[in-house]
PDB file of N, CA and C in Angstrom:
ATOM      1  N   UNK A   1      41.189 109.043 127.549  1.00  0.00           N
ATOM      2  CA  UNK A   1      41.518 107.974 128.005  1.00  0.00           C
ATOM      3  C   UNK A   1      42.103 108.075 129.587  1.00  0.00           C
ATOM      4  N   UNK A   2      43.145 108.643 129.305  1.00  0.00           N
ATOM      5  CA  UNK A   2      44.344 108.712 131.136  1.00  0.00           C
ATOM      6  C   UNK A   2      43.637 109.004 131.657  1.00  0.00           C
ATOM      7  N   UNK A   3      42.776 109.963 131.942  1.00  0.00           N
ATOM      8  CA  UNK A   3      41.938 110.852 132.620  1.00  0.00           C
ATOM      9  C   UNK A   3      40.638 109.433 133.697  1.00  0.00           C
ATOM     10  N   UNK A   4      40.272 108.524 132.308  1.00  0.00           N
ATOM     11  CA  UNK A   4      39.315 107.614 133.208  1.00  0.00           C
ATOM     12  C   UNK A   4      40.385 106.298 133.775  1.00  0.00           C
ATOM     13  N   UNK A   5      41.424 106.422 133.029  1.00  0.00           N
ATOM     14  CA  UNK A   5      42.228 104.734 134.171  1.00  0.00           C
ATOM     15  C   UNK A   5      43.062 105.893 134.932  1.00  0.00           C
ATOM     16  N   UNK A   6      43.192 106.734 135.691  1.00  0.00           N
ATOM     17  CA  UNK A   6      43.847 107.870 136.609  1.00  0.00           C
ATOM     18  C   UNK A   6      43.055 107.273 137.163  1.00  0.00           C
ATOM     19  N   UNK A   7      41.976 108.308 137.401  1.00  0.00           N
ATOM     20  CA  UNK A   7      40.550 108.450 138.340  1.00  0.00           C
ATOM     21  C   UNK A   7      40.348 106.805 139.243  1.00  0.00           C
ATOM     22  N   UNK A   8      40.854 105.622 137.926  1.00  0.00           N
ATOM     23  CA  UNK A   8      40.253 104.395 138.472  1.00  0.00           C
ATOM     24  C   UNK A   8      41.143 104.239 139.301  1.00  0.00           C
ATOM     25  N   UNK A   9      42.247 104.168 138.814  1.00  0.00           N
ATOM     26  CA  UNK A   9      43.728 103.646 140.012  1.00  0.00           C
ATOM     27  C   UNK A   9      43.643 104.348 141.050  1.00  0.00           C
ATOM     28  N   UNK A  10      43.581 105.968 140.688  1.00  0.00           N
ATOM     29  CA  UNK A  10      43.685 106.952 142.231  1.00  0.00           C
ATOM     30  C   UNK A  10      42.375 106.199 143.734  1.00  0.00           C
ATOM     31  N   UNK A  11      41.715 105.645 142.685  1.00  0.00           N
ATOM     32  CA  UNK A  11      39.646 105.051 143.654  1.00  0.00           C
ATOM     33  C   UNK A  11      40.154 103.730 143.909  1.00  0.00           C
ATOM     34  N   UNK A  12      41.570 103.368 143.827  1.00  0.00           N
ATOM     35  CA  UNK A  12      41.651 102.478 144.490  1.00  0.00           C
ATOM     36  C   UNK A  12      42.393 102.008 145.338  1.00  0.00           C
ATOM     37  N   UNK A  13      43.920 103.303 144.989  1.00  0.00           N
ATOM     38  CA  UNK A  13      44.430 103.021 145.883  1.00  0.00           C
ATOM     39  C   UNK A  13      43.697 103.907 147.605  1.00  0.00           C
ATOM     40  N   UNK A  14      42.632 104.954 147.436  1.00  0.00           N
ATOM     41  CA  UNK A  14      41.996 105.198 148.494  1.00  0.00           C
ATOM     42  C   UNK A  14      41.938 106.793 148.370  1.00  0.00           C
ATOM     43  N   UNK A  15      42.185 107.070 146.973  1.00  0.00           N
ATOM     44  CA  UNK A  15      42.307 108.724 147.433  1.00  0.00           C
ATOM     45  C   UNK A  15      41.144 109.337 147.232  1.00  0.00           C
ATOM     46  N   UNK A  16      40.454 110.366 147.986  1.00  0.00           N
ATOM     47  CA  UNK A  16      39.475 110.579 147.799  1.00  0.00           C
ATOM     48  C   UNK A  16      38.925 111.477 146.665  1.00  0.00           C
ATOM     49  N   UNK A  17      37.718 111.567 146.548  1.00  0.00           N
ATOM     50  CA  UNK A  17      37.627 112.015 145.052  1.00  0.00           C
ATOM     51  C   UNK A  17      37.484 113.660 144.705  1.00  0.00           C
ATOM     52  N   UNK A  18      37.834 114.429 145.841  1.00  0.00           N
ATOM     53  CA  UNK A  18      38.505 116.364 145.525  1.00  0.00           C
ATOM     54  C   UNK A  18      39.513 115.909 145.242  1.00  0.00           C
ATOM     55  N   UNK A  19      40.502 115.177 145.821  1.00  0.00           N
ATOM     56  CA  UNK A  19      41.689 115.242 145.744  1.00  0.00           C
ATOM     57  C   UNK A  19      42.010 114.380 144.133  1.00  0.00           C
ATOM     58  N   UNK A  20      41.359 113.520 143.389  1.00  0.00           N
ATOM     59  CA  UNK A  20      41.335 113.031 142.644  1.00  0.00           C
ATOM     60  C   UNK A  20      41.028 113.829 142.059  1.00  0.00           C
ATOM     61  N   UNK A  21      39.985 115.123 142.103  1.00  0.00           N
ATOM     62  CA  UNK A  21      39.659 115.870 140.911  1.00  0.00           C
ATOM     63  C   UNK A  21      40.881 116.540 140.989  1.00  0.00           C
ATOM     64  N   UNK A  22      41.626 116.926 141.785  1.00  0.00           N
ATOM     65  CA  UNK A  22      42.914 118.085 141.698  1.00  0.00           C
ATOM     66  C   UNK A  22      44.130 117.445 141.606  1.00  0.00           C
ATOM     67  N   UNK A  23      44.010 116.301 141.338  1.00  0.00           N
ATOM     68  CA  UNK A  23      45.277 115.491 140.969  1.00  0.00           C
ATOM     69  C   UNK A  23      45.106 115.568 139.668  1.00  0.00           C
ATOM     70  N   UNK A  24      43.862 114.731 138.806  1.00  0.00           N
ATOM     71  CA  UNK A  24      43.461 114.985 137.598  1.00  0.00           C
ATOM     72  C   UNK A  24      43.545 116.434 136.792  1.00  0.00           C
ATOM     73  N   UNK A  25      42.487 116.837 137.712  1.00  0.00           N
ATOM     74  CA  UNK A  25      42.549 118.874 136.510  1.00  0.00           C
ATOM     75  C   UNK A  25      41.353 118.550 136.020  1.00  0.00           C
ATOM     76  N   UNK A  26      40.200 117.976 136.737  1.00  0.00           N
ATOM     77  CA  UNK A  26      38.687 118.062 135.999  1.00  0.00           C
ATOM     78  C   UNK A  26      38.049 118.666 137.659  1.00  0.00           C
ATOM     79  N   UNK A  27      36.840 118.623 137.499  1.00  0.00           N
ATOM     80  CA  UNK A  27      35.733 119.691 138.823  1.00  0.00           C
ATOM     81  C   UNK A  27      35.111 117.599 139.152  1.00  0.00           C
ATOM     82  N   UNK A  28      35.158 118.218 140.423  1.00  0.00           N
ATOM     83  CA  UNK A  28      35.250 116.700 141.320  1.00  0.00           C
ATOM     84  C   UNK A  28      33.414 116.232 140.806  1.00  0.00           C
ATOM     85  N   UNK A  29      33.012 116.439 140.161  1.00  0.00           N
ATOM     86  CA  UNK A  29      31.704 116.442 139.513  1.00  0.00           C
ATOM     87  C   UNK A  29      31.672 115.109 138.382  1.00  0.00           C
ATOM     88  N   UNK A  30      33.008 115.944 137.798  1.00  0.00           N
ATOM     89  CA  UNK A  30      33.256 115.161 136.131  1.00  0.00           C
ATOM     90  C   UNK A  30      33.918 113.473 137.353  1.00  0.00           C
ATOM     91  N   UNK A  31      34.868 113.411 138.300  1.00  0.00           N
ATOM     92  CA  UNK A  31      34.833 111.998 138.868  1.00  0.00           C
ATOM     93  C   UNK A  31      34.021 111.290 139.315  1.00  0.00           C
ATOM     94  N   UNK A  32      32.805 112.246 139.819  1.00  0.00           N
ATOM     95  CA  UNK A  32      31.959 111.301 140.481  1.00  0.00           C
ATOM     96  C   UNK A  32      31.171 110.721 139.360  1.00  0.00           C
ATOM     97  N   UNK A  33      31.083 111.531 138.236  1.00  0.00           N
ATOM     98  CA  UNK A  33      30.308 110.934 137.108  1.00  0.00           C
ATOM     99  C   UNK A  33      31.370 109.804 136.325  1.00  0.00           C
ATOM    100  N   UNK A  34      32.477 109.582 136.068  1.00  0.00           N
ATOM    101  CA  UNK A  34      33.511 108.860 135.597  1.00  0.00           C
ATOM    102  C   UNK A  34      33.571 107.826 136.129  1.00  0.00           C
ATOM    103  N   UNK A  35      33.269 107.567 137.981  1.00  0.00           N
ATOM    104  CA  UNK A  35      33.077 106.106 138.901  1.00  0.00           C
ATOM    105  C   UNK A  35      31.823 106.138 138.159  1.00  0.00           C
ATOM    106  N   UNK A  36      30.396 106.865 138.269  1.00  0.00           N
ATOM    107  CA  UNK A  36      29.231 106.218 138.101  1.00  0.00           C
ATOM    108  C   UNK A  36      29.149 105.573 136.527  1.00  0.00           C
ATOM    109  N   UNK A  37      29.909 105.988 135.763  1.00  0.00           N
ATOM    110  CA  UNK A  37      29.870 105.348 134.378  1.00  0.00           C
ATOM    111  C   UNK A  37      30.841 104.306 134.922  1.00  0.00           C
ATOM    112  N   UNK A  38      32.055 103.944 135.194  1.00  0.00           N
ATOM    113  CA  UNK A  38      33.217 102.914 135.261  1.00  0.00           C
ATOM    114  C   UNK A  38      31.794 101.844 136.580  1.00  0.00           C
ATOM    115  N   UNK A  39      31.001 102.233 136.684  1.00  0.00           N
ATOM    116  CA  UNK A  39      30.464 101.012 138.387  1.00  0.00           C
ATOM    117  C   UNK A  39      29.113 100.225 136.947  1.00  0.00           C
ATOM    118  N   UNK A  40      28.472 101.246 136.486  1.00  0.00           N
ATOM    119  CA  UNK A  40      27.357 100.429 135.727  1.00  0.00           C
ATOM    120  C   UNK A  40      28.154  99.522 134.469  1.00  0.00           C
ATOM    121  N   UNK A  41      29.094 100.309 134.247  1.00  0.00           N
ATOM    122  CA  UNK A  41      29.766  99.336 133.198  1.00  0.00           C
ATOM    123  C   UNK A  41      30.638  98.146 133.583  1.00  0.00           C
ATOM    124  N   UNK A  42      30.679  97.959 135.006  1.00  0.00           N
ATOM    125  CA  UNK A  42      31.633  96.979 135.724  1.00  0.00           C
ATOM    126  C   UNK A  42      32.580  96.600 135.599  1.00  0.00           C
ATOM    127  N   UNK A  43      33.510  97.986 135.579  1.00  0.00           N
ATOM    128  CA  UNK A  43      34.850  97.978 135.045  1.00  0.00           C
ATOM    129  C   UNK A  43      35.621  98.417 136.389  1.00  0.00           C
ATOM    130  N   UNK A  44      36.702  97.817 136.556  1.00  0.00           N
ATOM    131  CA  UNK A  44      37.350  98.018 137.969  1.00  0.00           C
ATOM    132  C   UNK A  44      38.844  97.883 137.560  1.00  0.00           C
ATOM    133  N   UNK A  45      39.957  98.665 138.766  1.00  0.00           N
ATOM    134  CA  UNK A  45      41.402  98.075 138.373  1.00  0.00           C
ATOM    135  C   UNK A  45      41.941  97.172 139.002  1.00  0.00           C
ATOM    136  N   UNK A  46      42.522  96.519 137.885  1.00  0.00           N
ATOM    137  CA  UNK A  46      43.387  96.962 136.531  1.00  0.00           C
ATOM    138  C   UNK A  46      42.067  96.521 135.819  1.00  0.00           C
ATOM    139  N   UNK A  47      42.698  97.362 134.897  1.00  0.00           N
ATOM    140  CA  UNK A  47      41.506  97.450 133.219  1.00  0.00           C
ATOM    141  C   UNK A  47      42.175  96.114 132.748  1.00  0.00           C
ATOM    142  N   UNK A  48      41.544  95.202 132.125  1.00  0.00           N
ATOM    143  CA  UNK A  48      42.259  94.230 131.310  1.00  0.00           C
ATOM    144  C   UNK A  48      43.472  94.755 130.211  1.00  0.00           C
ATOM    145  N   UNK A  49      44.744  94.429 130.455  1.00  0.00           N
ATOM    146  CA  UNK A  49      45.199  94.904 129.301  1.00  0.00           C
ATOM    147  C   UNK A  49      44.778  95.016 128.005  1.00  0.00           C
ATOM    148  N   UNK A  50      44.361  94.123 127.379  1.00  0.00           N
ATOM    149  CA  UNK A  50      43.844  94.134 125.990  1.00  0.00           C
ATOM    150  C   UNK A  50      43.259  95.111 125.693  1.00  0.00           C
ATOM    151  N   UNK A  51      42.255  96.147 127.218  1.00  0.00           N
ATOM    152  CA  UNK A  51      41.314  97.071 126.757  1.00  0.00           C
ATOM    153  C   UNK A  51      42.007  98.339 125.942  1.00  0.00           C
ATOM    154  N   UNK A  52      41.591  98.741 124.802  1.00  0.00           N
ATOM    155  CA  UNK A  52      41.980  99.887 124.358  1.00  0.00           C
ATOM    156  C   UNK A  52      41.071 100.955 124.526  1.00  0.00           C
ATOM    157  N   UNK A  53      41.427 102.295 124.233  1.00  0.00           N
ATOM    158  CA  UNK A  53      41.317 103.904 124.500  1.00  0.00           C
ATOM    159  C   UNK A  53      39.842 103.745 124.017  1.00  0.00           C
ATOM    160  N   UNK A  54      39.608 102.935 122.743  1.00  0.00           N
ATOM    161  CA  UNK A  54      38.637 103.385 121.947  1.00  0.00           C
ATOM    162  C   UNK A  54      37.110 102.074 122.747  1.00  0.00           C
ATOM    163  N   UNK A  55      37.687 101.139 123.498  1.00  0.00           N
ATOM    164  CA  UNK A  55      37.041  99.696 123.904  1.00  0.00           C
ATOM    165  C   UNK A  55      36.327 100.576 124.472  1.00  0.00           C
ATOM    166  N   UNK A  56      37.191 100.949 125.892  1.00  0.00           N
ATOM    167  CA  UNK A  56      37.119 101.556 127.222  1.00  0.00           C
ATOM    168  C   UNK A  56      36.013 102.760 126.885  1.00  0.00           C
ATOM    169  N   UNK A  57      36.137 103.788 126.045  1.00  0.00           N
ATOM    170  CA  UNK A  57      35.278 104.552 125.555  1.00  0.00           C
ATOM    171  C   UNK A  57      33.625 104.165 125.406  1.00  0.00           C
ATOM    172  N   UNK A  58      34.098 103.132 124.252  1.00  0.00           N
ATOM    173  CA  UNK A  58      32.450 102.138 124.509  1.00  0.00           C
ATOM    174  C   UNK A  58      31.812 101.761 125.404  1.00  0.00           C
ATOM    175  N   UNK A  59      32.619 101.176 125.825  1.00  0.00           N
ATOM    176  CA  UNK A  59      32.380 100.771 127.952  1.00  0.00           C
ATOM    177  C   UNK A  59      31.362 101.914 128.499  1.00  0.00           C
ATOM    178  N   UNK A  60      32.258 102.820 128.369  1.00  0.00           N
ATOM    179  CA  UNK A  60      31.695 103.993 129.667  1.00  0.00           C
ATOM    180  C   UNK A  60      30.456 104.519 128.740  1.00  0.00           C
ATOM    181  N   UNK A  61      30.588 104.979 127.772  1.00  0.00           N
ATOM    182  CA  UNK A  61      29.039 105.865 126.818  1.00  0.00           C
ATOM    183  C   UNK A  61      28.584 105.225 125.922  1.00  0.00           C
ATOM    184  N   UNK A  62      28.438 103.608 126.237  1.00  0.00           N
ATOM    185  CA  UNK A  62      27.310 102.811 125.366  1.00  0.00           C
ATOM    186  C   UNK A  62      25.692 103.528 125.391  1.00  0.00           C
ATOM    187  N   UNK A  63      25.368 103.766 126.192  1.00  0.00           N
ATOM    188  CA  UNK A  63      24.318 104.106 126.339  1.00  0.00           C
ATOM    189  C   UNK A  63      23.675 105.684 126.483  1.00  0.00           C
ATOM    190  N   UNK A  64      24.797 106.529 126.095  1.00  0.00           N
ATOM    191  CA  UNK A  64      24.750 108.032 125.796  1.00  0.00           C
ATOM    192  C   UNK A  64      23.991 107.966 124.695  1.00  0.00           C
ATOM    193  N   UNK A  65      23.308 109.257 124.409  1.00  0.00           N
ATOM    194  CA  UNK A  65      22.567 109.400 123.408  1.00  0.00           C
ATOM    195  C   UNK A  65      21.077 108.379 123.991  1.00  0.00           C
ATOM    196  N   UNK A  66      20.900 107.262 124.265  1.00  0.00           N
ATOM    197  CA  UNK A  66      19.686 106.263 123.747  1.00  0.00           C
ATOM    198  C   UNK A  66      18.628 106.906 124.783  1.00  0.00           C
ATOM    199  N   UNK A  67      18.988 107.840 126.179  1.00  0.00           N
ATOM    200  CA  UNK A  67      18.202 108.088 126.530  1.00  0.00           C
ATOM    201  C   UNK A  67      16.431 109.591 125.885  1.00  0.00           C
ATOM    202  N   UNK A  68      15.663 108.621 127.120  1.00  0.00           N
ATOM    203  CA  UNK A  68      14.603 109.449 125.813  1.00  0.00           C
ATOM    204  C   UNK A  68      14.981 110.716 126.471  1.00  0.00           C
ATOM    205  N   UNK A  69      13.908 112.172 125.794  1.00  0.00           N
ATOM    206  CA  UNK A  69      14.282 112.945 126.163  1.00  0.00           C
ATOM    207  C   UNK A  69      13.245 113.506 127.365  1.00  0.00           C
ATOM    208  N   UNK A  70      13.741 114.596 127.645  1.00  0.00           N
ATOM    209  CA  UNK A  70      12.895 115.289 129.615  1.00  0.00           C
ATOM    210  C   UNK A  70      11.836 115.635 129.493  1.00  0.00           C
ATOM    211  N   UNK A  71      11.214 115.464 127.644  1.00  0.00           N
ATOM    212  CA  UNK A  71       9.633 115.652 127.896  1.00  0.00           C
ATOM    213  C   UNK A  71       8.574 114.663 128.201  1.00  0.00           C
ATOM    214  N   UNK A  72       7.366 115.165 129.308  1.00  0.00           N
ATOM    215  CA  UNK A  72       7.080 114.400 130.194  1.00  0.00           C
ATOM    216  C   UNK A  72       5.514 114.167 129.190  1.00  0.00           C
ATOM    217  N   UNK A  73       4.851 115.357 128.579  1.00  0.00           N
ATOM    218  CA  UNK A  73       4.306 115.372 127.671  1.00  0.00           C
ATOM    219  C   UNK A  73       3.908 115.339 125.660  1.00  0.00           C
ATOM    220  N   UNK A  74       3.090 115.522 125.311  1.00  0.00           N
ATOM    221  CA  UNK A  74       3.350 115.463 123.757  1.00  0.00           C
ATOM    222  C   UNK A  74       3.002 117.042 123.487  1.00  0.00           C
ATOM    223  N   UNK A  75       4.133 117.114 122.116  1.00  0.00           N
ATOM    224  CA  UNK A  75       4.231 118.492 122.268  1.00  0.00           C
ATOM    225  C   UNK A  75       3.038 118.257 120.916  1.00  0.00           C
ATOM    226  N   UNK A  76       1.945 119.787 120.782  1.00  0.00           N
ATOM    227  CA  UNK A  76       0.964 119.531 119.841  1.00  0.00           C
ATOM    228  C   UNK A  76       1.424 120.110 118.873  1.00  0.00           C
ATOM    229  N   UNK A  77       0.380 119.670 117.872  1.00  0.00           N
ATOM    230  CA  UNK A  77       0.410 120.621 115.825  1.00  0.00           C
ATOM    231  C   UNK A  77       1.001 121.570 116.662  1.00  0.00           C
ATOM    232  N   UNK A  78       1.971 122.400 116.143  1.00  0.00           N
ATOM    233  CA  UNK A  78       2.357 123.527 116.207  1.00  0.00           C
ATOM    234  C   UNK A  78       2.141 124.587 114.463  1.00  0.00           C
ATOM    235  N   UNK A  79       1.495 123.754 113.660  1.00  0.00           N
ATOM    236  CA  UNK A  79       1.630 124.247 112.784  1.00  0.00           C
ATOM    237  C   UNK A  79      -0.053 124.348 112.692  1.00  0.00           C
ATOM    238  N   UNK A  80      -1.232 123.694 113.160  1.00  0.00           N
ATOM    239  CA  UNK A  80      -2.467 123.416 113.059  1.00  0.00           C
ATOM    240  C   UNK A  80      -2.732 124.534 114.436  1.00  0.00           C
ATOM    241  N   UNK A  81      -1.771 125.229 115.535  1.00  0.00           N
ATOM    242  CA  UNK A  81      -2.115 126.244 116.261  1.00  0.00           C
ATOM    243  C   UNK A  81      -1.794 127.512 115.597  1.00  0.00           C
ATOM    244  N   UNK A  82      -1.080 127.186 114.856  1.00  0.00           N
ATOM    245  CA  UNK A  82      -0.581 128.611 113.782  1.00  0.00           C
ATOM    246  C   UNK A  82      -1.882 128.756 113.122  1.00  0.00           C
ATOM    247  N   UNK A  83      -2.473 128.019 112.068  1.00  0.00           N
ATOM    248  CA  UNK A  83      -3.923 127.978 111.239  1.00  0.00           C
ATOM    249  C   UNK A  83      -5.113 128.439 112.120  1.00  0.00           C
ATOM    250  N   UNK A  84      -5.125 127.652 113.561  1.00  0.00           N
ATOM    251  CA  UNK A  84      -6.564 128.161 114.363  1.00  0.00           C
ATOM    252  C   UNK A  84      -6.006 129.623 114.864  1.00  0.00           C
ATOM    253  N   UNK A  85      -4.794 129.766 115.604  1.00  0.00           N
ATOM    254  CA  UNK A  85      -5.065 131.475 115.358  1.00  0.00           C
ATOM    255  C   UNK A  85      -5.033 132.102 114.263  1.00  0.00           C
ATOM    256  N   UNK A  86      -4.927 132.387 113.278  1.00  0.00           N
ATOM    257  CA  UNK A  86      -5.075 133.122 112.410  1.00  0.00           C
ATOM    258  C   UNK A  86      -6.778 133.304 111.551  1.00  0.00           C
ATOM    259  N   UNK A  87      -7.680 132.322 112.491  1.00  0.00           N
ATOM    260  CA  UNK A  87      -9.362 132.554 112.363  1.00  0.00           C
ATOM    261  C   UNK A  87      -9.565 133.309 113.112  1.00  0.00           C
ATOM    262  N   UNK A  88     -10.583 134.009 112.715  1.00  0.00           N
ATOM    263  CA  UNK A  88     -11.553 134.667 113.771  1.00  0.00           C
ATOM    264  C   UNK A  88     -11.923 134.176 115.150  1.00  0.00           C
ATOM    265  N   UNK A  89     -12.022 135.406 116.212  1.00  0.00           N
ATOM    266  CA  UNK A  89     -12.408 134.997 117.835  1.00  0.00           C
ATOM    267  C   UNK A  89     -11.869 133.655 118.092  1.00  0.00           C
ATOM    268  N   UNK A  90     -10.498 133.105 117.485  1.00  0.00           N
ATOM    269  CA  UNK A  90      -9.568 131.932 117.859  1.00  0.00           C
ATOM    270  C   UNK A  90      -8.950 132.631 118.958  1.00  0.00           C
ATOM    271  N   UNK A  91      -8.330 132.213 120.287  1.00  0.00           N
ATOM    272  CA  UNK A  91      -7.853 132.826 120.975  1.00  0.00           C
ATOM    273  C   UNK A  91      -6.908 131.535 121.255  1.00  0.00           C
ATOM    274  N   UNK A  92      -5.611 131.881 122.651  1.00  0.00           N
ATOM    275  CA  UNK A  92      -4.452 131.134 123.285  1.00  0.00           C
ATOM    276  C   UNK A  92      -5.013 130.268 124.033  1.00  0.00           C
ATOM    277  N   UNK A  93      -5.971 130.389 124.417  1.00  0.00           N
ATOM    278  CA  UNK A  93      -6.865 129.899 125.957  1.00  0.00           C
ATOM    279  C   UNK A  93      -7.961 128.968 125.568  1.00  0.00           C
ATOM    280  N   UNK A  94      -8.304 129.219 124.217  1.00  0.00           N
ATOM    281  CA  UNK A  94      -9.324 128.464 123.552  1.00  0.00           C
ATOM    282  C   UNK A  94      -8.921 127.066 123.171  1.00  0.00           C
ATOM    283  N   UNK A  95      -7.013 127.967 122.767  1.00  0.00           N
ATOM    284  CA  UNK A  95      -6.697 126.637 121.902  1.00  0.00           C
ATOM    285  C   UNK A  95      -5.912 125.593 123.187  1.00  0.00           C
ATOM    286  N   UNK A  96      -5.681 126.160 124.106  1.00  0.00           N
ATOM    287  CA  UNK A  96      -5.202 125.545 125.311  1.00  0.00           C
ATOM    288  C   UNK A  96      -5.809 125.152 126.151  1.00  0.00           C
ATOM    289  N   UNK A  97      -6.905 125.393 126.533  1.00  0.00           N
ATOM    290  CA  UNK A  97      -8.326 124.623 126.466  1.00  0.00           C
ATOM    291  C   UNK A  97      -8.749 123.039 126.157  1.00  0.00           C
ATOM    292  N   UNK A  98      -8.422 123.225 124.427  1.00  0.00           N
ATOM    293  CA  UNK A  98      -8.736 121.937 123.934  1.00  0.00           C
ATOM    294  C   UNK A  98      -7.279 121.123 124.058  1.00  0.00           C
ATOM    295  N   UNK A  99      -6.169 122.236 124.188  1.00  0.00           N
ATOM    296  CA  UNK A  99      -4.598 121.147 124.159  1.00  0.00           C
ATOM    297  C   UNK A  99      -5.274 120.052 125.663  1.00  0.00           C
ATOM    298  N   UNK A 100      -5.331 120.620 126.526  1.00  0.00           N
ATOM    299  CA  UNK A 100      -4.956 120.127 127.906  1.00  0.00           C
ATOM    300  C   UNK A 100      -6.410 119.141 128.334  1.00  0.00           C
ATOM    301  N   UNK A 101      -7.017 119.278 127.547  1.00  0.00           N
ATOM    302  CA  UNK A 101      -8.568 118.106 127.477  1.00  0.00           C
ATOM    303  C   UNK A 101      -7.980 117.311 126.449  1.00  0.00           C
ATOM    304  N   UNK A 102      -6.842 116.984 125.865  1.00  0.00           N
ATOM    305  CA  UNK A 102      -6.854 115.819 124.566  1.00  0.00           C
ATOM    306  C   UNK A 102      -5.332 115.366 125.315  1.00  0.00           C
ATOM    307  N   UNK A 103      -5.207 116.236 126.675  1.00  0.00           N
ATOM    308  CA  UNK A 103      -3.727 115.096 127.619  1.00  0.00           C
ATOM    309  C   UNK A 103      -3.888 114.950 128.844  1.00  0.00           C
ATOM    310  N   UNK A 104      -4.540 114.423 129.120  1.00  0.00           N
ATOM    311  CA  UNK A 104      -4.189 114.247 130.078  1.00  0.00           C
ATOM    312  C   UNK A 104      -3.302 113.528 131.292  1.00  0.00           C
ATOM    313  N   UNK A 105      -2.581 112.989 130.837  1.00  0.00           N
ATOM    314  CA  UNK A 105      -1.440 112.901 131.684  1.00  0.00           C
ATOM    315  C   UNK A 105      -0.970 113.717 131.823  1.00  0.00           C
ATOM    316  N   UNK A 106      -0.864 115.269 131.035  1.00  0.00           N
ATOM    317  CA  UNK A 106       0.415 115.741 131.543  1.00  0.00           C
ATOM    318  C   UNK A 106       0.480 116.932 130.655  1.00  0.00           C
ATOM    319  N   UNK A 107       0.829 118.450 130.974  1.00  0.00           N
ATOM    320  CA  UNK A 107       1.068 119.201 130.130  1.00  0.00           C
ATOM    321  C   UNK A 107       1.985 120.488 130.491  1.00  0.00           C
ATOM    322  N   UNK A 108       2.541 121.025 129.568  1.00  0.00           N
ATOM    323  CA  UNK A 108       3.142 121.813 130.425  1.00  0.00           C
ATOM    324  C   UNK A 108       2.096 123.481 131.130  1.00  0.00           C
ATOM    325  N   UNK A 109       2.884 124.295 131.482  1.00  0.00           N
ATOM    326  CA  UNK A 109       1.560 125.767 132.211  1.00  0.00           C
ATOM    327  C   UNK A 109       1.082 126.348 131.270  1.00  0.00           C
ATOM    328  N   UNK A 110       0.433 126.657 131.681  1.00  0.00           N
ATOM    329  CA  UNK A 110      -0.415 127.800 130.123  1.00  0.00           C
ATOM    330  C   UNK A 110       1.074 129.153 129.915  1.00  0.00           C
ATOM    331  N   UNK A 111       1.745 129.498 130.342  1.00  0.00           N
ATOM    332  CA  UNK A 111       2.819 130.275 130.266  1.00  0.00           C
ATOM    333  C   UNK A 111       3.611 129.958 129.519  1.00  0.00           C
ATOM    334  N   UNK A 112       4.156 128.316 130.235  1.00  0.00           N
ATOM    335  CA  UNK A 112       4.642 128.203 129.202  1.00  0.00           C
ATOM    336  C   UNK A 112       4.519 127.796 127.652  1.00  0.00           C
ATOM    337  N   UNK A 113       3.266 126.973 127.549  1.00  0.00           N
ATOM    338  CA  UNK A 113       2.432 127.064 126.356  1.00  0.00           C
ATOM    339  C   UNK A 113       2.621 127.944 125.767  1.00  0.00           C
ATOM    340  N   UNK A 114       2.286 129.411 126.011  1.00  0.00           N
ATOM    341  CA  UNK A 114       2.179 130.538 125.493  1.00  0.00           C
ATOM    342  C   UNK A 114       3.418 130.639 125.045  1.00  0.00           C
ATOM    343  N   UNK A 115       4.571 130.828 125.718  1.00  0.00           N
ATOM    344  CA  UNK A 115       6.303 130.917 125.788  1.00  0.00           C
ATOM    345  C   UNK A 115       6.413 129.978 124.495  1.00  0.00           C
ATOM    346  N   UNK A 116       6.170 129.009 124.350  1.00  0.00           N
ATOM    347  CA  UNK A 116       6.109 127.885 122.918  1.00  0.00           C
ATOM    348  C   UNK A 116       5.501 128.686 121.835  1.00  0.00           C
ATOM    349  N   UNK A 117       4.173 128.932 121.653  1.00  0.00           N
ATOM    350  CA  UNK A 117       3.735 129.398 121.131  1.00  0.00           C
ATOM    351  C   UNK A 117       4.508 130.629 119.966  1.00  0.00           C
ATOM    352  N   UNK A 118       5.530 131.340 120.902  1.00  0.00           N
ATOM    353  CA  UNK A 118       6.003 132.511 120.163  1.00  0.00           C
ATOM    354  C   UNK A 118       7.060 132.521 120.380  1.00  0.00           C
ATOM    355  N   UNK A 119       8.051 131.389 120.823  1.00  0.00           N
ATOM    356  CA  UNK A 119       9.378 131.121 120.158  1.00  0.00           C
ATOM    357  C   UNK A 119       9.061 130.583 118.637  1.00  0.00           C
ATOM    358  N   UNK A 120       7.729 129.432 118.527  1.00  0.00           N
ATOM    359  CA  UNK A 120       7.487 129.431 117.465  1.00  0.00           C
ATOM    360  C   UNK A 120       7.152 130.091 115.721  1.00  0.00           C
ATOM    361  N   UNK A 121       7.760 131.134 116.450  1.00  0.00           N
ATOM    362  CA  UNK A 121       7.427 132.331 115.129  1.00  0.00           C
ATOM    363  C   UNK A 121       6.380 132.990 114.751  1.00  0.00           C
ATOM    364  N   UNK A 122       5.398 132.575 115.725  1.00  0.00           N
ATOM    365  CA  UNK A 122       4.213 133.465 115.684  1.00  0.00           C
ATOM    366  C   UNK A 122       4.121 134.124 117.035  1.00  0.00           C
ATOM    367  N   UNK A 123       3.259 135.700 116.535  1.00  0.00           N
ATOM    368  CA  UNK A 123       3.279 136.628 117.462  1.00  0.00           C
ATOM    369  C   UNK A 123       2.127 136.849 117.869  1.00  0.00           C
ATOM    370  N   UNK A 124       1.370 136.670 118.569  1.00  0.00           N
ATOM    371  CA  UNK A 124      -0.176 136.930 118.765  1.00  0.00           C
ATOM    372  C   UNK A 124      -0.044 138.732 119.550  1.00  0.00           C
ATOM    373  N   UNK A 125      -0.782 139.423 118.938  1.00  0.00           N
ATOM    374  CA  UNK A 125      -0.843 140.617 119.118  1.00  0.00           C
ATOM    375  C   UNK A 125      -0.764 141.135 120.864  1.00  0.00           C
ATOM    376  N   UNK A 126      -1.527 139.947 121.706  1.00  0.00           N
ATOM    377  CA  UNK A 126      -1.075 140.062 123.022  1.00  0.00           C
ATOM    378  C   UNK A 126       0.334 139.413 123.687  1.00  0.00           C
ATOM    379  N   UNK A 127       1.228 138.791 122.411  1.00  0.00           N
ATOM    380  CA  UNK A 127       1.811 138.777 123.331  1.00  0.00           C
ATOM    381  C   UNK A 127       2.995 139.175 122.518  1.00  0.00           C
ATOM    382  N   UNK A 128       2.905 140.616 121.676  1.00  0.00           N
ATOM    383  CA  UNK A 128       4.147 141.317 120.909  1.00  0.00           C
ATOM    384  C   UNK A 128       4.245 142.433 121.824  1.00  0.00           C
TER     385      UNK A 128
END
């Protein structure tokens, strides 16, 4: 947390972002992210005297881990897909068509779907 305190102090003094990064020994993107976290936590220099490193860490990283995943679509039931693929005359294309009918809000591209099926442990003859 010493770096966080130093970044905040140097920013208040008017030192530039790249110079702060050089002095502290971190990447400029790290300085930018630290300043963004400080602003969202509403912290400014000087920090309150009673603010410990633990309290500072809690204030800066309280939202970490609460962000929803990057997926914009529902995952298909992989076990069901594998069961269906074992049936005669069932292809990935047929299952893909059924999948996109069921999720109109958005879905991955067909190739991504094939890659996901393949990486899930099942290899069709066409993908092997």
